[in-house]
């Protein structure tokens, strides 16, 4: 069964996308699967190299995506309706966040480049993460990523 996606569907309002189009927006960078720290006073969110327990560092995808909430109930489920509440928590390069903010997809996005590997040329966290079970939560600050994602 082939799922057909409309041409340039990413130019449509997010609420008009079909479920397969919505899923196709994901560039596969893996940044959303990084554990984040949020300053209680300022609300600033920083990313760490500590990845969710379900993150596959090689594929940059969730190893249990369809049933992830059974294992990680706090996982953020992105929908057009939830974007207003959670966009600040997503990396600045995220297609969902960019489109929610009225920006376009970056040139390296697989929907524009035609290659799912284009994201791994400096825009993904492939090979750069550590599993959350290997790092106690009180040490996550030692793994903060300095650059803006």
N, C-alpha and C. Protein backbone atom coordinates (compact mmCIF):
# COMPACT_ATOMS: atom_id res chain seq x y z
N UNK A 1 0.84 -1.18 0.00
CA UNK A 1 0.00 0.00 0.00
C UNK A 1 0.89 1.25 0.00
N UNK A 2 0.73 2.06 -1.00
CA UNK A 2 1.50 3.29 -1.12
C UNK A 2 0.68 4.46 -0.59
N UNK A 3 1.28 5.23 0.30
CA UNK A 3 0.61 6.42 0.82
C UNK A 3 1.02 7.59 -0.04
N UNK A 4 0.03 8.27 -0.57
CA UNK A 4 0.31 9.40 -1.45
C UNK A 4 0.29 10.69 -0.65
N UNK A 5 1.30 11.49 -0.89
CA UNK A 5 1.41 12.79 -0.26
C UNK A 5 1.18 13.86 -1.32
N UNK A 6 0.47 14.91 -0.96
CA UNK A 6 0.23 15.99 -1.91
C UNK A 6 1.54 16.75 -2.17
N UNK A 7 1.65 17.30 -3.37
CA UNK A 7 2.82 18.11 -3.73
C UNK A 7 2.88 19.32 -2.80
N UNK A 8 4.07 19.58 -2.29
CA UNK A 8 4.33 20.74 -1.44
C UNK A 8 3.31 20.90 -0.32
N UNK A 9 2.90 19.76 0.26
CA UNK A 9 1.91 19.80 1.34
C UNK A 9 2.39 20.63 2.52
N UNK A 10 3.70 20.77 2.68
CA UNK A 10 4.25 21.53 3.80
C UNK A 10 3.97 23.03 3.67
N UNK A 11 3.47 23.46 2.54
CA UNK A 11 3.10 24.86 2.37
C UNK A 11 1.66 25.13 2.81
N UNK A 12 0.92 24.08 3.13
CA UNK A 12 -0.45 24.21 3.61
C UNK A 12 -0.46 24.53 5.11
N UNK A 13 -1.56 25.07 5.62
CA UNK A 13 -1.67 25.24 7.09
C UNK A 13 -1.56 23.87 7.77
N UNK A 14 -0.88 23.82 8.90
CA UNK A 14 -0.65 22.55 9.59
C UNK A 14 -1.94 21.79 9.85
N UNK A 15 -3.01 22.49 10.16
CA UNK A 15 -4.29 21.84 10.46
C UNK A 15 -4.93 21.16 9.26
N UNK A 16 -4.43 21.42 8.06
CA UNK A 16 -4.99 20.82 6.85
C UNK A 16 -4.23 19.58 6.39
N UNK A 17 -3.17 19.22 7.10
CA UNK A 17 -2.36 18.07 6.68
C UNK A 17 -3.05 16.76 7.07
N UNK A 18 -2.86 15.76 6.23
CA UNK A 18 -3.34 14.42 6.56
C UNK A 18 -2.36 13.80 7.56
N UNK A 19 -2.75 12.76 8.28
CA UNK A 19 -1.80 12.13 9.20
C UNK A 19 -0.49 11.71 8.53
N UNK A 20 -0.51 11.10 7.35
CA UNK A 20 0.78 10.75 6.71
C UNK A 20 1.61 11.98 6.36
N UNK A 21 0.98 13.07 5.94
CA UNK A 21 1.72 14.29 5.64
C UNK A 21 2.34 14.86 6.92
N UNK A 22 1.57 14.85 7.99
CA UNK A 22 2.08 15.34 9.28
C UNK A 22 3.33 14.56 9.67
N UNK A 23 3.27 13.25 9.60
CA UNK A 23 4.42 12.41 9.97
C UNK A 23 5.60 12.65 9.05
N UNK A 24 5.33 12.92 7.77
CA UNK A 24 6.41 13.14 6.80
C UNK A 24 7.17 14.43 7.04
N UNK A 25 6.60 15.34 7.84
CA UNK A 25 7.31 16.59 8.16
C UNK A 25 8.56 16.35 9.00
N UNK A 26 8.57 15.27 9.76
CA UNK A 26 9.72 14.99 10.62
C UNK A 26 10.96 14.79 9.76
N UNK A 27 12.02 15.54 10.07
CA UNK A 27 13.25 15.43 9.29
C UNK A 27 14.16 14.32 9.79
N UNK A 28 13.87 13.74 10.95
CA UNK A 28 14.69 12.65 11.47
C UNK A 28 15.97 13.10 12.14
N UNK A 29 15.99 14.33 12.63
CA UNK A 29 17.22 14.84 13.28
C UNK A 29 17.45 14.23 14.65
N UNK A 30 16.38 13.82 15.33
CA UNK A 30 16.49 13.22 16.65
C UNK A 30 16.58 14.21 17.80
N UNK A 31 16.60 15.49 17.51
CA UNK A 31 16.78 16.49 18.57
C UNK A 31 15.61 16.53 19.54
N UNK A 32 14.42 16.22 19.06
CA UNK A 32 13.27 16.25 19.97
C UNK A 32 13.35 15.13 21.00
N UNK A 33 14.15 14.11 20.74
CA UNK A 33 14.29 12.99 21.67
C UNK A 33 15.38 13.22 22.71
N UNK A 34 16.01 14.37 22.66
CA UNK A 34 17.02 14.71 23.66
C UNK A 34 16.31 15.20 24.92
N UNK A 35 16.84 14.83 26.05
CA UNK A 35 16.29 15.35 27.30
C UNK A 35 16.67 16.82 27.42
N UNK A 36 15.74 17.58 27.93
CA UNK A 36 15.90 19.02 28.03
C UNK A 36 15.83 19.44 29.48
N UNK A 37 16.44 20.57 29.77
CA UNK A 37 16.35 21.18 31.09
C UNK A 37 15.71 22.54 30.91
N UNK A 38 14.77 22.86 31.79
CA UNK A 38 14.08 24.14 31.71
C UNK A 38 14.32 24.92 32.99
N UNK A 39 14.81 26.14 32.85
CA UNK A 39 15.03 27.01 34.00
C UNK A 39 13.67 27.42 34.55
N UNK A 40 13.43 27.11 35.82
CA UNK A 40 12.13 27.40 36.42
C UNK A 40 11.81 28.88 36.46
N UNK A 41 12.84 29.71 36.59
CA UNK A 41 12.61 31.16 36.69
C UNK A 41 12.44 31.82 35.33
N UNK A 42 13.35 31.53 34.41
CA UNK A 42 13.34 32.21 33.11
C UNK A 42 12.52 31.47 32.05
N UNK A 43 12.31 30.17 32.24
CA UNK A 43 11.62 29.37 31.23
C UNK A 43 12.52 28.95 30.09
N UNK A 44 13.81 29.33 30.15
CA UNK A 44 14.75 28.95 29.09
C UNK A 44 14.90 27.43 29.06
N UNK A 45 14.88 26.89 27.85
CA UNK A 45 15.03 25.45 27.64
C UNK A 45 16.38 25.20 26.98
N UNK A 46 17.14 24.28 27.56
CA UNK A 46 18.41 23.88 26.96
C UNK A 46 18.36 22.37 26.69
N UNK A 47 19.04 21.97 25.65
CA UNK A 47 19.08 20.57 25.25
C UNK A 47 20.33 19.91 25.80
N UNK A 48 20.21 18.64 26.10
CA UNK A 48 21.37 17.86 26.54
C UNK A 48 21.65 16.78 25.49
N UNK A 49 22.81 16.16 25.59
CA UNK A 49 23.14 15.02 24.72
C UNK A 49 22.55 13.73 25.27
N UNK A 50 21.83 13.83 26.37
CA UNK A 50 21.21 12.66 27.00
C UNK A 50 19.90 12.36 26.29
N UNK A 51 19.87 11.23 25.62
CA UNK A 51 18.71 10.88 24.80
C UNK A 51 17.70 10.02 25.57
N UNK A 52 16.47 10.13 25.15
CA UNK A 52 15.38 9.31 25.69
C UNK A 52 15.77 7.84 25.62
N UNK A 53 15.27 7.09 26.56
CA UNK A 53 15.57 5.65 26.63
C UNK A 53 15.17 4.88 25.38
N UNK A 54 14.24 5.43 24.58
CA UNK A 54 13.78 4.74 23.37
C UNK A 54 14.48 5.20 22.10
N UNK A 55 15.39 6.16 22.24
CA UNK A 55 16.05 6.73 21.07
C UNK A 55 17.09 5.78 20.50
N UNK A 56 17.03 5.59 19.19
CA UNK A 56 18.03 4.80 18.47
C UNK A 56 19.03 5.79 17.87
N UNK A 57 20.24 5.84 18.43
CA UNK A 57 21.25 6.81 18.03
C UNK A 57 21.71 6.64 16.59
N UNK A 58 21.59 5.47 16.04
CA UNK A 58 22.03 5.24 14.66
C UNK A 58 21.00 5.73 13.65
N UNK A 59 19.72 5.45 13.89
CA UNK A 59 18.68 5.86 12.94
C UNK A 59 18.14 7.26 13.25
N UNK A 60 18.40 7.75 14.46
CA UNK A 60 17.86 9.04 14.93
C UNK A 60 16.33 9.00 14.97
N UNK A 61 15.80 7.88 15.33
CA UNK A 61 14.35 7.70 15.44
C UNK A 61 14.02 6.99 16.74
N UNK A 62 12.76 7.10 17.12
CA UNK A 62 12.27 6.38 18.29
C UNK A 62 12.16 4.90 17.95
N UNK A 63 12.74 4.07 18.79
CA UNK A 63 12.72 2.63 18.53
C UNK A 63 11.34 2.01 18.75
N UNK A 64 10.46 2.73 19.44
CA UNK A 64 9.12 2.22 19.74
C UNK A 64 8.07 3.31 19.49
N UNK A 65 8.20 4.01 18.39
CA UNK A 65 7.39 5.20 18.14
C UNK A 65 5.88 4.97 18.35
N UNK A 66 5.33 3.92 17.76
CA UNK A 66 3.88 3.70 17.84
C UNK A 66 3.37 3.43 19.25
N UNK A 67 4.23 2.89 20.11
CA UNK A 67 3.80 2.57 21.48
C UNK A 67 4.63 3.30 22.53
N UNK A 68 5.27 4.38 22.13
CA UNK A 68 6.21 5.09 23.01
C UNK A 68 5.57 5.58 24.31
N UNK A 69 4.31 5.97 24.26
CA UNK A 69 3.68 6.50 25.47
C UNK A 69 3.49 5.45 26.55
N UNK A 70 3.53 4.19 26.17
CA UNK A 70 3.47 3.11 27.17
C UNK A 70 4.74 3.10 28.02
N UNK A 71 5.85 3.49 27.41
CA UNK A 71 7.15 3.47 28.09
C UNK A 71 7.56 4.85 28.61
N UNK A 72 7.17 5.88 27.87
CA UNK A 72 7.55 7.26 28.21
C UNK A 72 6.28 8.12 28.17
N UNK A 73 5.47 8.04 29.21
CA UNK A 73 4.19 8.77 29.18
C UNK A 73 4.34 10.28 29.05
N UNK A 74 5.50 10.81 29.42
CA UNK A 74 5.72 12.26 29.31
C UNK A 74 6.18 12.70 27.92
N UNK A 75 6.32 11.75 27.00
CA UNK A 75 6.71 12.10 25.63
C UNK A 75 5.69 13.07 25.05
N UNK A 76 6.18 14.11 24.41
CA UNK A 76 5.30 15.12 23.83
C UNK A 76 4.75 14.59 22.50
N UNK A 77 3.43 14.60 22.40
CA UNK A 77 2.78 14.19 21.16
C UNK A 77 2.47 15.47 20.38
N UNK A 78 3.12 15.60 19.25
CA UNK A 78 2.92 16.79 18.42
C UNK A 78 1.68 16.62 17.55
N UNK A 79 0.84 17.62 17.59
CA UNK A 79 -0.32 17.71 16.70
C UNK A 79 -0.46 19.18 16.35
N UNK A 80 -1.21 19.50 15.31
CA UNK A 80 -1.43 20.92 15.03
C UNK A 80 -2.03 21.65 16.23
N UNK A 81 -2.84 20.94 17.00
CA UNK A 81 -3.49 21.55 18.16
C UNK A 81 -2.53 21.78 19.33
N UNK A 82 -1.53 20.93 19.50
CA UNK A 82 -0.61 21.08 20.64
C UNK A 82 0.57 21.99 20.36
N UNK A 83 0.78 22.35 19.11
CA UNK A 83 1.97 23.13 18.75
C UNK A 83 2.07 24.45 19.51
N UNK A 84 0.96 25.12 19.73
CA UNK A 84 1.01 26.41 20.42
C UNK A 84 1.58 26.27 21.83
N UNK A 85 1.34 25.12 22.46
CA UNK A 85 1.82 24.90 23.83
C UNK A 85 3.24 24.36 23.89
N UNK A 86 3.66 23.62 22.88
CA UNK A 86 4.94 22.90 22.98
C UNK A 86 6.01 23.35 22.00
N UNK A 87 5.72 24.27 21.11
CA UNK A 87 6.70 24.67 20.09
C UNK A 87 8.00 25.17 20.71
N UNK A 88 7.89 25.89 21.83
CA UNK A 88 9.09 26.44 22.48
C UNK A 88 10.03 25.32 22.96
N UNK A 89 9.51 24.14 23.14
CA UNK A 89 10.25 23.00 23.65
C UNK A 89 10.94 22.22 22.53
N UNK A 90 10.61 22.56 21.29
CA UNK A 90 11.18 21.86 20.14
C UNK A 90 12.41 22.62 19.66
N UNK A 91 13.35 21.93 19.00
CA UNK A 91 14.52 22.64 18.48
C UNK A 91 14.11 23.67 17.43
N UNK A 92 14.85 24.75 17.33
CA UNK A 92 14.55 25.83 16.39
C UNK A 92 14.56 25.33 14.94
N UNK A 93 15.30 24.28 14.65
CA UNK A 93 15.39 23.75 13.29
C UNK A 93 14.24 22.79 12.96
N UNK A 94 13.42 22.44 13.93
CA UNK A 94 12.33 21.46 13.74
C UNK A 94 11.32 21.96 12.71
N UNK A 95 10.98 21.11 11.75
CA UNK A 95 10.02 21.49 10.71
C UNK A 95 8.67 21.87 11.30
N UNK A 96 8.22 21.12 12.28
CA UNK A 96 6.93 21.44 12.91
C UNK A 96 6.97 22.84 13.53
N UNK A 97 8.02 23.11 14.26
CA UNK A 97 8.14 24.43 14.89
C UNK A 97 8.28 25.53 13.85
N UNK A 98 9.13 25.30 12.85
CA UNK A 98 9.35 26.31 11.82
C UNK A 98 8.04 26.64 11.10
N UNK A 99 7.30 25.62 10.70
CA UNK A 99 6.05 25.87 9.99
C UNK A 99 5.02 26.53 10.91
N UNK A 100 4.98 26.11 12.16
CA UNK A 100 4.09 26.73 13.15
C UNK A 100 4.40 28.22 13.29
N UNK A 101 5.67 28.58 13.20
CA UNK A 101 6.12 29.97 13.34
C UNK A 101 6.06 30.74 12.02
N UNK A 102 5.55 30.10 10.95
CA UNK A 102 5.44 30.79 9.67
C UNK A 102 6.71 30.80 8.84
N UNK A 103 7.68 29.98 9.21
CA UNK A 103 8.94 29.89 8.47
C UNK A 103 8.86 28.75 7.46
N UNK A 104 9.81 28.71 6.56
CA UNK A 104 9.86 27.63 5.57
C UNK A 104 10.78 26.51 6.05
N UNK A 105 10.74 25.41 5.32
CA UNK A 105 11.65 24.30 5.62
C UNK A 105 13.07 24.69 5.21
N UNK A 106 14.07 24.24 5.94
CA UNK A 106 15.46 24.50 5.53
C UNK A 106 15.81 23.67 4.29
N UNK A 107 16.77 24.14 3.52
CA UNK A 107 17.16 23.46 2.27
C UNK A 107 17.56 22.00 2.48
N UNK A 108 18.11 21.68 3.65
CA UNK A 108 18.59 20.33 3.90
C UNK A 108 17.47 19.36 4.30
N UNK A 109 16.27 19.86 4.48
CA UNK A 109 15.17 18.99 4.91
C UNK A 109 14.95 17.92 3.84
N UNK A 110 14.75 16.65 4.26
CA UNK A 110 14.57 15.57 3.29
C UNK A 110 13.45 15.79 2.28
N UNK A 111 12.39 16.52 2.65
CA UNK A 111 11.32 16.77 1.68
C UNK A 111 11.80 17.67 0.55
N UNK A 112 12.79 18.51 0.81
CA UNK A 112 13.33 19.39 -0.23
C UNK A 112 14.55 18.78 -0.92
N UNK A 113 15.38 18.10 -0.15
CA UNK A 113 16.61 17.53 -0.72
C UNK A 113 16.35 16.24 -1.48
N UNK A 114 15.26 15.56 -1.10
CA UNK A 114 14.95 14.27 -1.73
C UNK A 114 15.69 13.10 -1.10
N UNK A 115 16.48 13.37 -0.06
CA UNK A 115 17.24 12.30 0.58
C UNK A 115 17.05 12.33 2.09
N UNK A 116 16.68 11.19 2.68
CA UNK A 116 16.56 11.15 4.14
C UNK A 116 17.90 11.31 4.85
N UNK A 117 18.99 11.17 4.12
CA UNK A 117 20.33 11.31 4.71
C UNK A 117 20.79 12.77 4.81
N UNK A 118 20.12 13.67 4.11
CA UNK A 118 20.58 15.06 4.10
C UNK A 118 20.58 15.68 5.49
N UNK A 119 19.70 15.25 6.35
CA UNK A 119 19.64 15.78 7.71
C UNK A 119 20.88 15.42 8.51
N UNK A 120 21.52 14.32 8.14
CA UNK A 120 22.67 13.83 8.90
C UNK A 120 23.99 14.50 8.49
N UNK A 121 23.90 15.45 7.59
CA UNK A 121 25.09 16.20 7.19
C UNK A 121 25.20 17.46 8.06
N UNK A 122 25.25 17.24 9.37
CA UNK A 122 25.43 18.34 10.29
C UNK A 122 24.17 18.88 10.96
N UNK A 123 23.03 18.25 10.72
CA UNK A 123 21.78 18.76 11.29
C UNK A 123 21.10 17.78 12.22
N UNK A 124 21.71 16.63 12.45
CA UNK A 124 21.10 15.64 13.34
C UNK A 124 22.04 15.36 14.51
N UNK A 125 21.55 14.56 15.44
CA UNK A 125 22.37 14.19 16.60
C UNK A 125 22.89 12.76 16.48
N UNK A 126 22.87 12.22 15.29
CA UNK A 126 23.37 10.86 15.05
C UNK A 126 24.79 10.72 15.60
N UNK A 127 25.00 9.71 16.44
CA UNK A 127 26.33 9.42 16.97
C UNK A 127 26.80 10.38 18.05
N UNK A 128 25.93 11.25 18.54
CA UNK A 128 26.36 12.26 19.51
C UNK A 128 25.66 12.15 20.86
N UNK A 129 24.85 11.13 21.05
CA UNK A 129 24.05 11.06 22.27
C UNK A 129 24.56 10.00 23.24
N UNK A 130 24.09 10.12 24.46
CA UNK A 130 24.31 9.09 25.47
C UNK A 130 22.93 8.68 26.00
N UNK A 131 22.74 7.40 26.29
CA UNK A 131 21.44 6.94 26.78
C UNK A 131 21.15 7.48 28.18
N UNK A 132 19.88 7.83 28.42
CA UNK A 132 19.53 8.41 29.72
C UNK A 132 19.78 7.47 30.88
N UNK A 133 19.78 6.18 30.66
CA UNK A 133 20.05 5.25 31.75
C UNK A 133 21.53 5.23 32.14
N UNK A 134 22.39 5.81 31.30
CA UNK A 134 23.82 5.86 31.59
C UNK A 134 24.23 7.10 32.38
N UNK A 135 23.31 8.06 32.51
CA UNK A 135 23.65 9.33 33.16
C UNK A 135 22.58 9.66 34.21
N UNK A 136 22.96 9.76 35.47
CA UNK A 136 21.99 10.16 36.49
C UNK A 136 21.43 11.55 36.17
N UNK A 137 20.16 11.75 36.43
CA UNK A 137 19.51 13.02 36.08
C UNK A 137 20.21 14.23 36.68
N UNK A 138 20.76 14.08 37.87
CA UNK A 138 21.45 15.21 38.49
C UNK A 138 22.74 15.58 37.76
N UNK A 139 23.19 14.75 36.81
CA UNK A 139 24.38 15.06 36.03
C UNK A 139 24.07 15.55 34.60
N UNK A 140 22.79 15.66 34.26
CA UNK A 140 22.42 16.08 32.91
C UNK A 140 22.99 17.44 32.55
N UNK A 141 23.16 18.31 33.53
CA UNK A 141 23.73 19.64 33.25
C UNK A 141 25.12 19.55 32.63
N UNK A 142 25.83 18.47 32.94
CA UNK A 142 27.17 18.26 32.37
C UNK A 142 27.12 17.93 30.88
N UNK A 143 25.93 17.64 30.37
CA UNK A 143 25.77 17.22 28.97
C UNK A 143 25.00 18.25 28.14
N UNK A 144 24.88 19.47 28.66
CA UNK A 144 24.16 20.51 27.93
C UNK A 144 24.87 20.81 26.62
N UNK A 145 24.08 20.96 25.57
CA UNK A 145 24.60 21.31 24.25
C UNK A 145 24.63 22.83 24.18
N UNK A 146 25.78 23.38 23.86
CA UNK A 146 25.95 24.83 23.87
C UNK A 146 25.30 25.53 22.68
N UNK A 147 25.38 24.93 21.50
CA UNK A 147 24.85 25.63 20.33
C UNK A 147 23.33 25.56 20.29
N UNK A 148 22.73 26.50 19.58
CA UNK A 148 21.28 26.51 19.44
C UNK A 148 20.89 25.42 18.47
N UNK A 149 19.90 24.67 18.86
CA UNK A 149 19.40 23.62 17.98
C UNK A 149 18.20 24.14 17.24
